Amino acid sequence: MTKYNFPMRSTIAALKAASDETRVRILLALSKHELCVCQITAILDLAPSTVSKHLSILYGAELVRMRKRGKWVFYSIAGAGAPKRIRQLLDWVIASATGSEAARHDLKKLGKITSVPPEDLCKG
């Protein structure tokens, strides 16, 4: 059996990462706004450790980017600098899931949550 080359492994990792409902919901939210873990936690009503695990998988699969600003870590959807296969996968996942009930619910919460500064939302 031939070993997979690197692009094949990274493509499989991206497909696996995008095959989970919670991670798709995170991708949908990040397609609208850059968010910190506290904001994503508030949207999904999940424990911070659960959200962090999902973000770690998405980051490892190159589907999201992160940046640090002081003590805050912000996540965003992989953009123009991502490999073409990643951009195409993200476009397809987001387009496919946008009309779902969960997406509508999350987008309503997203609007409320992004109107509050992360510093106020993420206290304690």
C-alpha atoms as a PDB file:
ATOM      1  CA  MET A   1       0.000   0.000   0.000  1.00  0.00           C
ATOM      2  CA  THR A   2       1.341   3.430  -0.928  1.00  0.00           C
ATOM      3  CA  LYS A   3       1.608   6.041   1.789  1.00  0.00           C
ATOM      4  CA  TYR A   4      -0.522   9.130   1.263  1.00  0.00           C
ATOM      5  CA  ASN A   5       1.320  12.240   0.287  1.00  0.00           C
ATOM      6  CA  PHE A   6       1.028  15.360   2.435  1.00  0.00           C
ATOM      7  CA  PRO A   7      -1.735  17.107   0.415  1.00  0.00           C
ATOM      8  CA  MET A   8      -3.858  13.960   0.645  1.00  0.00           C
ATOM      9  CA  ARG A   9      -3.444  13.798   4.442  1.00  0.00           C
ATOM     10  CA  SER A  10      -4.252  17.468   4.888  1.00  0.00           C
ATOM     11  CA  THR A  11      -7.315  17.130   2.661  1.00  0.00           C
ATOM     12  CA  ILE A  12      -8.542  14.152   4.689  1.00  0.00           C
ATOM     13  CA  ALA A  13      -7.940  16.079   7.928  1.00  0.00           C
ATOM     14  CA  ALA A  14      -9.983  18.998   6.570  1.00  0.00           C
ATOM     15  CA  LEU A  15     -12.824  16.703   5.515  1.00  0.00           C
ATOM     16  CA  LYS A  16     -12.881  15.027   8.919  1.00  0.00           C
ATOM     17  CA  ALA A  17     -12.828  18.396  10.681  1.00  0.00           C
ATOM     18  CA  ALA A  18     -15.729  19.666   8.571  1.00  0.00           C
ATOM     19  CA  SER A  19     -17.802  16.526   9.154  1.00  0.00           C
ATOM     20  CA  ASP A  20     -18.967  17.495  12.645  1.00  0.00           C
ATOM     21  CA  GLU A  21     -22.108  19.587  13.233  1.00  0.00           C
ATOM     22  CA  THR A  22     -20.582  21.654  16.018  1.00  0.00           C
ATOM     23  CA  ARG A  23     -17.533  22.477  13.928  1.00  0.00           C
ATOM     24  CA  VAL A  24     -19.744  23.434  10.988  1.00  0.00           C
ATOM     25  CA  ARG A  25     -21.654  25.781  13.313  1.00  0.00           C
ATOM     26  CA  ILE A  26     -18.339  27.310  14.386  1.00  0.00           C
ATOM     27  CA  LEU A  27     -17.293  27.758  10.755  1.00  0.00           C
ATOM     28  CA  LEU A  28     -20.604  29.464   9.979  1.00  0.00           C
ATOM     29  CA  ALA A  29     -20.160  31.906  12.866  1.00  0.00           C
ATOM     30  CA  LEU A  30     -16.557  32.590  11.893  1.00  0.00           C
ATOM     31  CA  SER A  31     -17.601  33.212   8.302  1.00  0.00           C
ATOM     32  CA  LYS A  32     -19.426  36.292   9.630  1.00  0.00           C
ATOM     33  CA  HIS A  33     -17.077  37.559  12.378  1.00  0.00           C
ATOM     34  CA  GLU A  34     -13.719  36.998  13.979  1.00  0.00           C
ATOM     35  CA  LEU A  35     -14.552  35.619  17.444  1.00  0.00           C
ATOM     36  CA  CYS A  36     -12.873  34.649  20.695  1.00  0.00           C
ATOM     37  CA  VAL A  37     -13.543  31.373  22.507  1.00  0.00           C
ATOM     38  CA  CYS A  38     -15.933  33.046  24.968  1.00  0.00           C
ATOM     39  CA  GLN A  39     -18.066  34.400  22.128  1.00  0.00           C
ATOM     40  CA  ILE A  40     -18.210  31.016  20.393  1.00  0.00           C
ATOM     41  CA  THR A  41     -19.048  29.368  23.717  1.00  0.00           C
ATOM     42  CA  ALA A  42     -21.934  31.800  24.194  1.00  0.00           C
ATOM     43  CA  ILE A  43     -23.291  31.146  20.707  1.00  0.00           C
ATOM     44  CA  LEU A  44     -23.170  27.361  20.991  1.00  0.00           C
ATOM     45  CA  ASP A  45     -24.018  27.012  24.714  1.00  0.00           C
ATOM     46  CA  LEU A  46     -21.094  24.631  25.174  1.00  0.00           C
ATOM     47  CA  ALA A  47     -18.296  24.403  27.732  1.00  0.00           C
ATOM     48  CA  PRO A  48     -15.162  26.395  26.905  1.00  0.00           C
ATOM     49  CA  SER A  49     -13.093  23.195  26.918  1.00  0.00           C
ATOM     50  CA  THR A  50     -15.410  21.634  24.319  1.00  0.00           C
ATOM     51  CA  VAL A  51     -15.223  24.706  22.097  1.00  0.00           C
ATOM     52  CA  SER A  52     -11.446  24.833  22.479  1.00  0.00           C
ATOM     53  CA  LYS A  53     -11.149  21.195  21.406  1.00  0.00           C
ATOM     54  CA  HIS A  54     -13.261  21.837  18.290  1.00  0.00           C
ATOM     55  CA  LEU A  55     -11.227  24.957  17.479  1.00  0.00           C
ATOM     56  CA  SER A  56      -8.018  22.972  17.855  1.00  0.00           C
ATOM     57  CA  ILE A  57      -9.264  20.434  15.303  1.00  0.00           C
ATOM     58  CA  LEU A  58     -10.340  23.174  12.890  1.00  0.00           C
ATOM     59  CA  TYR A  59      -7.023  24.976  13.320  1.00  0.00           C
ATOM     60  CA  GLY A  60      -5.037  21.776  12.786  1.00  0.00           C
ATOM     61  CA  ALA A  61      -6.964  21.170   9.570  1.00  0.00           C
ATOM     62  CA  GLU A  62      -6.165  24.723   8.365  1.00  0.00           C
ATOM     63  CA  LEU A  63      -9.845  25.693   8.270  1.00  0.00           C
ATOM     64  CA  VAL A  64      -9.446  28.540  10.754  1.00  0.00           C
ATOM     65  CA  ARG A  65      -6.733  30.980  11.738  1.00  0.00           C
ATOM     66  CA  MET A  66      -5.985  32.398  15.143  1.00  0.00           C
ATOM     67  CA  ARG A  67      -4.322  35.536  16.356  1.00  0.00           C
ATOM     68  CA  LYS A  68      -3.438  36.721  19.813  1.00  0.00           C
ATOM     69  CA  ARG A  69      -4.138  40.182  21.131  1.00  0.00           C
ATOM     70  CA  GLY A  70      -2.956  40.489  24.695  1.00  0.00           C
ATOM     71  CA  LYS A  71      -4.621  37.720  26.702  1.00  0.00           C
ATOM     72  CA  TRP A  72      -7.240  37.184  23.984  1.00  0.00           C
ATOM     73  CA  VAL A  73      -7.110  34.608  21.206  1.00  0.00           C
ATOM     74  CA  PHE A  74      -9.321  35.375  18.232  1.00  0.00           C
ATOM     75  CA  TYR A  75     -10.326  32.912  15.535  1.00  0.00           C
ATOM     76  CA  SER A  76     -11.333  33.600  11.961  1.00  0.00           C
ATOM     77  CA  ILE A  77     -12.145  31.522   8.927  1.00  0.00           C
ATOM     78  CA  ALA A  78      -9.176  30.639   6.705  1.00  0.00           C
ATOM     79  CA  GLY A  79      -9.012  33.256   3.994  1.00  0.00           C
ATOM     80  CA  ALA A  80      -7.330  34.034   0.725  1.00  0.00           C
ATOM     81  CA  GLY A  81      -3.982  32.664   1.862  1.00  0.00           C
ATOM     82  CA  ALA A  82      -5.392  29.181   2.471  1.00  0.00           C
ATOM     83  CA  PRO A  83      -4.858  26.418  -0.085  1.00  0.00           C
ATOM     84  CA  LYS A  84      -7.459  26.341  -2.853  1.00  0.00           C
ATOM     85  CA  ARG A  85      -8.917  23.000  -1.671  1.00  0.00           C
ATOM     86  CA  ILE A  86      -9.474  24.499   1.800  1.00  0.00           C
ATOM     87  CA  ARG A  87     -11.200  27.606   0.418  1.00  0.00           C
ATOM     88  CA  GLN A  88     -13.412  25.432  -1.796  1.00  0.00           C
ATOM     89  CA  LEU A  89     -14.329  23.156   1.112  1.00  0.00           C
ATOM     90  CA  LEU A  90     -15.165  26.127   3.317  1.00  0.00           C
ATOM     91  CA  ASP A  91     -17.290  27.713   0.594  1.00  0.00           C
ATOM     92  CA  TRP A  92     -19.208  24.467   0.094  1.00  0.00           C
ATOM     93  CA  VAL A  93     -19.719  23.773   3.822  1.00  0.00           C
ATOM     94  CA  ILE A  94     -20.899  27.313   4.539  1.00  0.00           C
ATOM     95  CA  ALA A  95     -23.213  27.443   1.518  1.00  0.00           C
ATOM     96  CA  SER A  96     -24.662  24.016   2.344  1.00  0.00           C
ATOM     97  CA  ALA A  97     -25.353  24.727   6.004  1.00  0.00           C
ATOM     98  CA  THR A  98     -26.428  28.374   5.863  1.00  0.00           C
ATOM     99  CA  GLY A  99     -30.171  27.731   5.609  1.00  0.00           C
ATOM    100  CA  SER A 100     -30.354  25.255   8.482  1.00  0.00           C
ATOM    101  CA  GLU A 101     -32.373  25.868  11.634  1.00  0.00           C
ATOM    102  CA  ALA A 102     -29.199  25.760  13.733  1.00  0.00           C
ATOM    103  CA  ALA A 103     -27.556  28.357  11.476  1.00  0.00           C
ATOM    104  CA  ARG A 104     -30.514  30.728  11.772  1.00  0.00           C
ATOM    105  CA  HIS A 105     -30.532  30.330  15.549  1.00  0.00           C
ATOM    106  CA  ASP A 106     -26.770  30.834  15.826  1.00  0.00           C
ATOM    107  CA  LEU A 107     -26.792  33.909  13.573  1.00  0.00           C
ATOM    108  CA  LYS A 108     -29.415  35.566  15.778  1.00  0.00           C
ATOM    109  CA  LYS A 109     -27.252  34.927  18.823  1.00  0.00           C
ATOM    110  CA  LEU A 110     -24.157  36.061  16.938  1.00  0.00           C
ATOM    111  CA  GLY A 111     -25.659  39.499  16.398  1.00  0.00           C
ATOM    112  CA  LYS A 112     -26.372  39.916  20.110  1.00  0.00           C
ATOM    113  CA  ILE A 113     -23.040  38.525  21.227  1.00  0.00           C
ATOM    114  CA  THR A 114     -20.929  40.647  18.889  1.00  0.00           C
ATOM    115  CA  SER A 115     -22.673  43.776  20.146  1.00  0.00           C
ATOM    116  CA  VAL A 116     -21.034  43.179  23.551  1.00  0.00           C
ATOM    117  CA  PRO A 117     -17.269  43.728  23.868  1.00  0.00           C
ATOM    118  CA  PRO A 118     -15.438  40.424  24.510  1.00  0.00           C
ATOM    119  CA  GLU A 119     -13.981  41.939  27.690  1.00  0.00           C
ATOM    120  CA  ASP A 120     -17.502  42.240  29.126  1.00  0.00           C
ATOM    121  CA  LEU A 121     -18.775  38.899  27.812  1.00  0.00           C
ATOM    122  CA  CYS A 122     -15.785  36.854  28.916  1.00  0.00           C
ATOM    123  CA  LYS A 123     -15.530  37.976  32.534  1.00  0.00           C
ATOM    124  CA  GLY A 124     -14.794  35.346  35.149  1.00  0.00           C
END
